[in-house]
Amino acid sequence: MGVKSVRFNSDEEKALDALTGAFHMDTSAVIKKALWELYEDVQDKAVIEAFELREDAGDTGFVPIDDLLDRSDTPDSPTK
């Protein structure tokens, strides 16, 4: 684990104080939460871009909801 030093201007301090109060978290926890939220956004964007490439290439499709919910193959379902 590493220790990082971060400098905040007065507006950033106000925002950090507001977030620590709103989330009832200490400064470190708020910064870590913000870090993970931003990281998740980057990961989501990468997944979306990969899907869009597959979609443009014609490698995606849709399945009717009835096909997704068809449980006739499961052992507990009644026969049709």
PDB file of N, CA and C in Angstrom:
ATOM      1  N   MET A   1       0.852  -1.170   0.000  1.00  0.00           N
ATOM      2  CA  MET A   1       0.000   0.000   0.000  1.00  0.00           C
ATOM      3  C   MET A   1       0.897   1.231   0.000  1.00  0.00           C
ATOM      4  N   GLY A   2       0.512   2.229  -0.748  1.00  0.00           N
ATOM      5  CA  GLY A   2       1.306   3.432  -0.847  1.00  0.00           C
ATOM      6  C   GLY A   2       0.578   4.627  -0.266  1.00  0.00           C
ATOM      7  N   VAL A   3       1.365   5.642   0.031  1.00  0.00           N
ATOM      8  CA  VAL A   3       0.812   6.888   0.539  1.00  0.00           C
ATOM      9  C   VAL A   3       1.012   7.941  -0.532  1.00  0.00           C
ATOM     10  N   LYS A   4      -0.053   8.636  -0.879  1.00  0.00           N
ATOM     11  CA  LYS A   4      -0.011   9.685  -1.884  1.00  0.00           C
ATOM     12  C   LYS A   4      -0.370  11.010  -1.228  1.00  0.00           C
ATOM     13  N   SER A   5       0.277  12.063  -1.689  1.00  0.00           N
ATOM     14  CA  SER A   5      -0.024  13.403  -1.203  1.00  0.00           C
ATOM     15  C   SER A   5      -0.814  14.133  -2.292  1.00  0.00           C
ATOM     16  N   VAL A   6      -1.948  14.704  -1.904  1.00  0.00           N
ATOM     17  CA  VAL A   6      -2.793  15.407  -2.860  1.00  0.00           C
ATOM     18  C   VAL A   6      -3.029  16.818  -2.353  1.00  0.00           C
ATOM     19  N   ARG A   7      -2.864  17.779  -3.251  1.00  0.00           N
ATOM     20  CA  ARG A   7      -3.127  19.178  -2.894  1.00  0.00           C
ATOM     21  C   ARG A   7      -4.496  19.576  -3.451  1.00  0.00           C
ATOM     22  N   PHE A   8      -5.290  20.247  -2.625  1.00  0.00           N
ATOM     23  CA  PHE A   8      -6.610  20.704  -3.031  1.00  0.00           C
ATOM     24  C   PHE A   8      -6.677  22.219  -2.940  1.00  0.00           C
ATOM     25  N   ASN A   9      -7.330  22.841  -3.930  1.00  0.00           N
ATOM     26  CA  ASN A   9      -7.598  24.271  -3.798  1.00  0.00           C
ATOM     27  C   ASN A   9      -8.841  24.426  -2.931  1.00  0.00           C
ATOM     28  N   SER A  10      -9.249  25.656  -2.651  1.00  0.00           N
ATOM     29  CA  SER A  10     -10.347  25.874  -1.703  1.00  0.00           C
ATOM     30  C   SER A  10     -11.671  25.294  -2.217  1.00  0.00           C
ATOM     31  N   ASP A  11     -11.920  25.378  -3.515  1.00  0.00           N
ATOM     32  CA  ASP A  11     -13.160  24.805  -4.050  1.00  0.00           C
ATOM     33  C   ASP A  11     -13.151  23.279  -3.945  1.00  0.00           C
ATOM     34  N   GLU A  12     -12.024  22.675  -4.206  1.00  0.00           N
ATOM     35  CA  GLU A  12     -11.909  21.218  -4.086  1.00  0.00           C
ATOM     36  C   GLU A  12     -12.067  20.778  -2.639  1.00  0.00           C
ATOM     37  N   GLU A  13     -11.529  21.571  -1.698  1.00  0.00           N
ATOM     38  CA  GLU A  13     -11.693  21.274  -0.267  1.00  0.00           C
ATOM     39  C   GLU A  13     -13.167  21.317   0.125  1.00  0.00           C
ATOM     40  N   LYS A  14     -13.892  22.331  -0.389  1.00  0.00           N
ATOM     41  CA  LYS A  14     -15.321  22.443  -0.091  1.00  0.00           C
ATOM     42  C   LYS A  14     -16.069  21.226  -0.638  1.00  0.00           C
ATOM     43  N   ALA A  15     -15.734  20.827  -1.856  1.00  0.00           N
ATOM     44  CA  ALA A  15     -16.390  19.658  -2.454  1.00  0.00           C
ATOM     45  C   ALA A  15     -16.082  18.407  -1.643  1.00  0.00           C
ATOM     46  N   LEU A  16     -14.836  18.247  -1.244  1.00  0.00           N
ATOM     47  CA  LEU A  16     -14.444  17.077  -0.451  1.00  0.00           C
ATOM     48  C   LEU A  16     -15.157  17.076   0.899  1.00  0.00           C
ATOM     49  N   ASP A  17     -15.246  18.229   1.532  1.00  0.00           N
ATOM     50  CA  ASP A  17     -15.965  18.322   2.804  1.00  0.00           C
ATOM     51  C   ASP A  17     -17.440  17.970   2.637  1.00  0.00           C
ATOM     52  N   ALA A  18     -18.036  18.439   1.536  1.00  0.00           N
ATOM     53  CA  ALA A  18     -19.443  18.133   1.276  1.00  0.00           C
ATOM     54  C   ALA A  18     -19.628  16.629   1.076  1.00  0.00           C
ATOM     55  N   LEU A  19     -18.715  16.001   0.347  1.00  0.00           N
ATOM     56  CA  LEU A  19     -18.829  14.559   0.090  1.00  0.00           C
ATOM     57  C   LEU A  19     -18.593  13.738   1.353  1.00  0.00           C
ATOM     58  N   THR A  20     -17.623  14.125   2.160  1.00  0.00           N
ATOM     59  CA  THR A  20     -17.379  13.369   3.393  1.00  0.00           C
ATOM     60  C   THR A  20     -18.592  13.453   4.310  1.00  0.00           C
ATOM     61  N   GLY A  21     -19.228  14.612   4.328  1.00  0.00           N
ATOM     62  CA  GLY A  21     -20.436  14.762   5.142  1.00  0.00           C
ATOM     63  C   GLY A  21     -21.618  13.995   4.574  1.00  0.00           C
ATOM     64  N   ALA A  22     -21.807  14.073   3.265  1.00  0.00           N
ATOM     65  CA  ALA A  22     -22.952  13.423   2.630  1.00  0.00           C
ATOM     66  C   ALA A  22     -22.866  11.901   2.716  1.00  0.00           C
ATOM     67  N   PHE A  23     -21.669  11.368   2.580  1.00  0.00           N
ATOM     68  CA  PHE A  23     -21.503   9.913   2.588  1.00  0.00           C
ATOM     69  C   PHE A  23     -21.086   9.367   3.948  1.00  0.00           C
ATOM     70  N   HIS A  24     -20.854  10.253   4.913  1.00  0.00           N
ATOM     71  CA  HIS A  24     -20.415   9.845   6.249  1.00  0.00           C
ATOM     72  C   HIS A  24     -19.155   8.975   6.150  1.00  0.00           C
ATOM     73  N   MET A  25     -18.210   9.461   5.349  1.00  0.00           N
ATOM     74  CA  MET A  25     -16.954   8.739   5.132  1.00  0.00           C
ATOM     75  C   MET A  25     -15.800   9.696   5.403  1.00  0.00           C
ATOM     76  N   ASP A  26     -14.639   9.115   5.711  1.00  0.00           N
ATOM     77  CA  ASP A  26     -13.471   9.974   5.873  1.00  0.00           C
ATOM     78  C   ASP A  26     -12.915  10.348   4.496  1.00  0.00           C
ATOM     79  N   THR A  27     -11.987  11.286   4.489  1.00  0.00           N
ATOM     80  CA  THR A  27     -11.427  11.811   3.247  1.00  0.00           C
ATOM     81  C   THR A  27     -10.845  10.705   2.371  1.00  0.00           C
ATOM     82  N   SER A  28     -10.090   9.821   2.963  1.00  0.00           N
ATOM     83  CA  SER A  28      -9.462   8.743   2.217  1.00  0.00           C
ATOM     84  C   SER A  28     -10.505   7.856   1.546  1.00  0.00           C
ATOM     85  N   ALA A  29     -11.562   7.523   2.257  1.00  0.00           N
ATOM     86  CA  ALA A  29     -12.605   6.662   1.709  1.00  0.00           C
ATOM     87  C   ALA A  29     -13.328   7.340   0.552  1.00  0.00           C
ATOM     88  N   VAL A  30     -13.575   8.640   0.658  1.00  0.00           N
ATOM     89  CA  VAL A  30     -14.241   9.378  -0.422  1.00  0.00           C
ATOM     90  C   VAL A  30     -13.361   9.392  -1.660  1.00  0.00           C
ATOM     91  N   ILE A  31     -12.080   9.638  -1.484  1.00  0.00           N
ATOM     92  CA  ILE A  31     -11.161   9.666  -2.629  1.00  0.00           C
ATOM     93  C   ILE A  31     -11.085   8.283  -3.275  1.00  0.00           C
ATOM     94  N   LYS A  32     -11.009   7.234  -2.467  1.00  0.00           N
ATOM     95  CA  LYS A  32     -10.955   5.876  -3.005  1.00  0.00           C
ATOM     96  C   LYS A  32     -12.248   5.540  -3.756  1.00  0.00           C
ATOM     97  N   LYS A  33     -13.389   5.942  -3.194  1.00  0.00           N
ATOM     98  CA  LYS A  33     -14.669   5.691  -3.855  1.00  0.00           C
ATOM     99  C   LYS A  33     -14.718   6.406  -5.201  1.00  0.00           C
ATOM    100  N   ALA A  34     -14.282   7.651  -5.233  1.00  0.00           N
ATOM    101  CA  ALA A  34     -14.263   8.409  -6.489  1.00  0.00           C
ATOM    102  C   ALA A  34     -13.329   7.764  -7.502  1.00  0.00           C
ATOM    103  N   LEU A  35     -12.195   7.280  -7.046  1.00  0.00           N
ATOM    104  CA  LEU A  35     -11.242   6.601  -7.912  1.00  0.00           C
ATOM    105  C   LEU A  35     -11.879   5.380  -8.567  1.00  0.00           C
ATOM    106  N   TRP A  36     -12.540   4.545  -7.761  1.00  0.00           N
ATOM    107  CA  TRP A  36     -13.158   3.335  -8.293  1.00  0.00           C
ATOM    108  C   TRP A  36     -14.324   3.656  -9.206  1.00  0.00           C
ATOM    109  N   GLU A  37     -15.073   4.712  -8.911  1.00  0.00           N
ATOM    110  CA  GLU A  37     -16.178   5.115  -9.788  1.00  0.00           C
ATOM    111  C   GLU A  37     -15.643   5.529 -11.154  1.00  0.00           C
ATOM    112  N   LEU A  38     -14.567   6.289 -11.179  1.00  0.00           N
ATOM    113  CA  LEU A  38     -13.960   6.704 -12.450  1.00  0.00           C
ATOM    114  C   LEU A  38     -13.388   5.509 -13.193  1.00  0.00           C
ATOM    115  N   TYR A  39     -12.753   4.606 -12.476  1.00  0.00           N
ATOM    116  CA  TYR A  39     -12.198   3.397 -13.091  1.00  0.00           C
ATOM    117  C   TYR A  39     -13.317   2.559 -13.708  1.00  0.00           C
ATOM    118  N   GLU A  40     -14.428   2.441 -12.999  1.00  0.00           N
ATOM    119  CA  GLU A  40     -15.577   1.692 -13.516  1.00  0.00           C
ATOM    120  C   GLU A  40     -16.100   2.340 -14.795  1.00  0.00           C
ATOM    121  N   ASP A  41     -16.141   3.663 -14.836  1.00  0.00           N
ATOM    122  CA  ASP A  41     -16.579   4.365 -16.041  1.00  0.00           C
ATOM    123  C   ASP A  41     -15.685   4.026 -17.235  1.00  0.00           C
ATOM    124  N   VAL A  42     -14.385   3.992 -17.009  1.00  0.00           N
ATOM    125  CA  VAL A  42     -13.442   3.657 -18.083  1.00  0.00           C
ATOM    126  C   VAL A  42     -13.659   2.224 -18.555  1.00  0.00           C
ATOM    127  N   GLN A  43     -13.852   1.294 -17.614  1.00  0.00           N
ATOM    128  CA  GLN A  43     -14.081  -0.094 -17.972  1.00  0.00           C
ATOM    129  C   GLN A  43     -15.403  -0.260 -18.727  1.00  0.00           C
ATOM    130  N   ASP A  44     -16.441   0.431 -18.273  1.00  0.00           N
ATOM    131  CA  ASP A  44     -17.732   0.374 -18.955  1.00  0.00           C
ATOM    132  C   ASP A  44     -17.604   0.895 -20.387  1.00  0.00           C
ATOM    133  N   LYS A  45     -16.883   1.980 -20.550  1.00  0.00           N
ATOM    134  CA  LYS A  45     -16.693   2.559 -21.880  1.00  0.00           C
ATOM    135  C   LYS A  45     -15.985   1.563 -22.800  1.00  0.00           C
ATOM    136  N   ALA A  46     -14.992   0.854 -22.293  1.00  0.00           N
ATOM    137  CA  ALA A  46     -14.264  -0.127 -23.099  1.00  0.00           C
ATOM    138  C   ALA A  46     -15.189  -1.267 -23.527  1.00  0.00           C
ATOM    139  N   VAL A  47     -16.040  -1.734 -22.630  1.00  0.00           N
ATOM    140  CA  VAL A  47     -16.977  -2.814 -22.956  1.00  0.00           C
ATOM    141  C   VAL A  47     -17.976  -2.343 -24.016  1.00  0.00           C
ATOM    142  N   ILE A  48     -18.477  -1.132 -23.856  1.00  0.00           N
ATOM    143  CA  ILE A  48     -19.432  -0.574 -24.817  1.00  0.00           C
ATOM    144  C   ILE A  48     -18.788  -0.426 -26.192  1.00  0.00           C
ATOM    145  N   GLU A  49     -17.560   0.086 -26.226  1.00  0.00           N
ATOM    146  CA  GLU A  49     -16.869   0.259 -27.504  1.00  0.00           C
ATOM    147  C   GLU A  49     -16.618  -1.080 -28.183  1.00  0.00           C
ATOM    148  N   ALA A  50     -16.271  -2.104 -27.420  1.00  0.00           N
ATOM    149  CA  ALA A  50     -16.056  -3.439 -27.985  1.00  0.00           C
ATOM    150  C   ALA A  50     -17.372  -3.990 -28.544  1.00  0.00           C
ATOM    151  N   PHE A  51     -18.469  -3.786 -27.808  1.00  0.00           N
ATOM    152  CA  PHE A  51     -19.776  -4.230 -28.300  1.00  0.00           C
ATOM    153  C   PHE A  51     -20.142  -3.504 -29.588  1.00  0.00           C
ATOM    154  N   GLU A  52     -19.915  -2.193 -29.630  1.00  0.00           N
ATOM    155  CA  GLU A  52     -20.256  -1.418 -30.820  1.00  0.00           C
ATOM    156  C   GLU A  52     -19.459  -1.880 -32.031  1.00  0.00           C
ATOM    157  N   LEU A  53     -18.207  -2.279 -31.821  1.00  0.00           N
ATOM    158  CA  LEU A  53     -17.412  -2.813 -32.928  1.00  0.00           C
ATOM    159  C   LEU A  53     -18.010  -4.128 -33.430  1.00  0.00           C
ATOM    160  N   ARG A  54     -18.407  -5.008 -32.504  1.00  0.00           N
ATOM    161  CA  ARG A  54     -19.037  -6.274 -32.896  1.00  0.00           C
ATOM    162  C   ARG A  54     -20.367  -6.014 -33.588  1.00  0.00           C
ATOM    163  N   GLU A  55     -21.107  -5.024 -33.082  1.00  0.00           N
ATOM    164  CA  GLU A  55     -22.398  -4.683 -33.678  1.00  0.00           C
ATOM    165  C   GLU A  55     -22.222  -4.164 -35.105  1.00  0.00           C
ATOM    166  N   ASP A  56     -21.242  -3.289 -35.308  1.00  0.00           N
ATOM    167  CA  ASP A  56     -20.962  -2.762 -36.644  1.00  0.00           C
ATOM    168  C   ASP A  56     -20.529  -3.860 -37.601  1.00  0.00           C
ATOM    169  N   ALA A  57     -19.865  -4.876 -37.073  1.00  0.00           N
ATOM    170  CA  ALA A  57     -19.408  -5.995 -37.901  1.00  0.00           C
ATOM    171  C   ALA A  57     -20.525  -7.012 -38.151  1.00  0.00           C
ATOM    172  N   GLY A  58     -21.684  -6.805 -37.526  1.00  0.00           N
ATOM    173  CA  GLY A  58     -22.800  -7.720 -37.706  1.00  0.00           C
ATOM    174  C   GLY A  58     -22.712  -8.971 -36.857  1.00  0.00           C
ATOM    175  N   ASP A  59     -21.918  -8.931 -35.802  1.00  0.00           N
ATOM    176  CA  ASP A  59     -21.719 -10.105 -34.946  1.00  0.00           C
ATOM    177  C   ASP A  59     -22.614 -10.122 -33.713  1.00  0.00           C
ATOM    178  N   THR A  60     -23.657  -9.318 -33.704  1.00  0.00           N
ATOM    179  CA  THR A  60     -24.575  -9.290 -32.562  1.00  0.00           C
ATOM    180  C   THR A  60     -25.984  -9.545 -33.066  1.00  0.00           C
ATOM    181  N   GLY A  61     -26.855  -9.866 -32.174  1.00  0.00           N
ATOM    182  CA  GLY A  61     -28.248 -10.078 -32.543  1.00  0.00           C
ATOM    183  C   GLY A  61     -29.121 -10.057 -31.310  1.00  0.00           C
ATOM    184  N   PHE A  62     -30.407 -10.159 -31.548  1.00  0.00           N
ATOM    185  CA  PHE A  62     -31.362 -10.142 -30.457  1.00  0.00           C
ATOM    186  C   PHE A  62     -32.156 -11.434 -30.463  1.00  0.00           C
ATOM    187  N   VAL A  63     -32.603 -11.815 -29.303  1.00  0.00           N
ATOM    188  CA  VAL A  63     -33.394 -13.027 -29.132  1.00  0.00           C
ATOM    189  C   VAL A  63     -34.730 -12.604 -28.541  1.00  0.00           C
ATOM    190  N   PRO A  64     -35.824 -13.144 -29.040  1.00  0.00           N
ATOM    191  CA  PRO A  64     -37.131 -12.807 -28.461  1.00  0.00           C
ATOM    192  C   PRO A  64     -37.178 -13.211 -26.986  1.00  0.00           C
ATOM    193  N   ILE A  65     -37.889 -12.426 -26.209  1.00  0.00           N
ATOM    194  CA  ILE A  65     -37.975 -12.682 -24.768  1.00  0.00           C
ATOM    195  C   ILE A  65     -38.559 -14.066 -24.492  1.00  0.00           C
ATOM    196  N   ASP A  66     -39.481 -14.510 -25.352  1.00  0.00           N
ATOM    197  CA  ASP A  66     -40.063 -15.843 -25.151  1.00  0.00           C
ATOM    198  C   ASP A  66     -39.005 -16.934 -25.227  1.00  0.00           C
ATOM    199  N   ASP A  67     -38.001 -16.743 -26.092  1.00  0.00           N
ATOM    200  CA  ASP A  67     -36.918 -17.725 -26.178  1.00  0.00           C
ATOM    201  C   ASP A  67     -36.051 -17.715 -24.928  1.00  0.00           C
ATOM    202  N   LEU A  68     -35.876 -16.543 -24.360  1.00  0.00           N
ATOM    203  CA  LEU A  68     -35.070 -16.445 -23.139  1.00  0.00           C
ATOM    204  C   LEU A  68     -35.802 -17.052 -21.949  1.00  0.00           C
ATOM    205  N   LEU A  69     -37.111 -16.912 -21.928  1.00  0.00           N
ATOM    206  CA  LEU A  69     -37.895 -17.385 -20.794  1.00  0.00           C
ATOM    207  C   LEU A  69     -38.439 -18.790 -20.986  1.00  0.00           C
ATOM    208  N   ASP A  70     -38.201 -19.399 -22.135  1.00  0.00           N
ATOM    209  CA  ASP A  70     -38.674 -20.757 -22.402  1.00  0.00           C
ATOM    210  C   ASP A  70     -37.955 -21.729 -21.479  1.00  0.00           C
ATOM    211  N   ARG A  71     -38.712 -22.292 -20.563  1.00  0.00           N
ATOM    212  CA  ARG A  71     -38.092 -23.186 -19.572  1.00  0.00           C
ATOM    213  C   ARG A  71     -38.546 -24.625 -19.769  1.00  0.00           C
ATOM    214  N   SER A  72     -38.960 -24.954 -20.971  1.00  0.00           N
ATOM    215  CA  SER A  72     -39.445 -26.305 -21.214  1.00  0.00           C
ATOM    216  C   SER A  72     -38.340 -27.346 -21.110  1.00  0.00           C
ATOM    217  N   ASP A  73     -37.092 -26.917 -21.188  1.00  0.00           N
ATOM    218  CA  ASP A  73     -35.967 -27.862 -21.100  1.00  0.00           C
ATOM    219  C   ASP A  73     -35.517 -28.117 -19.670  1.00  0.00           C
ATOM    220  N   THR A  74     -36.071 -27.379 -18.711  1.00  0.00           N
ATOM    221  CA  THR A  74     -35.627 -27.548 -17.330  1.00  0.00           C
ATOM    222  C   THR A  74     -36.393 -28.688 -16.682  1.00  0.00           C
ATOM    223  N   PRO A  75     -35.782 -29.417 -15.763  1.00  0.00           N
ATOM    224  CA  PRO A  75     -36.431 -30.585 -15.137  1.00  0.00           C
ATOM    225  C   PRO A  75     -37.677 -30.244 -14.355  1.00  0.00           C
ATOM    226  N   ASP A  76     -37.776 -29.046 -13.768  1.00  0.00           N
ATOM    227  CA  ASP A  76     -38.909 -28.702 -12.910  1.00  0.00           C
ATOM    228  C   ASP A  76     -40.074 -28.105 -13.675  1.00  0.00           C
ATOM    229  N   SER A  77     -39.927 -27.864 -14.963  1.00  0.00           N
ATOM    230  CA  SER A  77     -41.005 -27.197 -15.699  1.00  0.00           C
ATOM    231  C   SER A  77     -42.046 -28.201 -16.170  1.00  0.00           C
ATOM    232  N   PRO A  78     -43.295 -27.740 -16.206  1.00  0.00           N
ATOM    233  CA  PRO A  78     -44.350 -28.631 -16.728  1.00  0.00           C
ATOM    234  C   PRO A  78     -44.191 -28.782 -18.236  1.00  0.00           C
ATOM    235  N   THR A  79     -44.624 -29.875 -18.771  1.00  0.00           N
ATOM    236  CA  THR A  79     -44.524 -30.088 -20.218  1.00  0.00           C
ATOM    237  C   THR A  79     -45.601 -29.274 -20.916  1.00  0.00           C
ATOM    238  N   LYS A  80     -45.329 -28.911 -22.146  1.00  0.00           N
ATOM    239  CA  LYS A  80     -46.277 -28.075 -22.903  1.00  0.00           C
ATOM    240  C   LYS A  80     -47.410 -28.892 -23.435  1.00  0.00           C
TER     241      LYS A  80
END
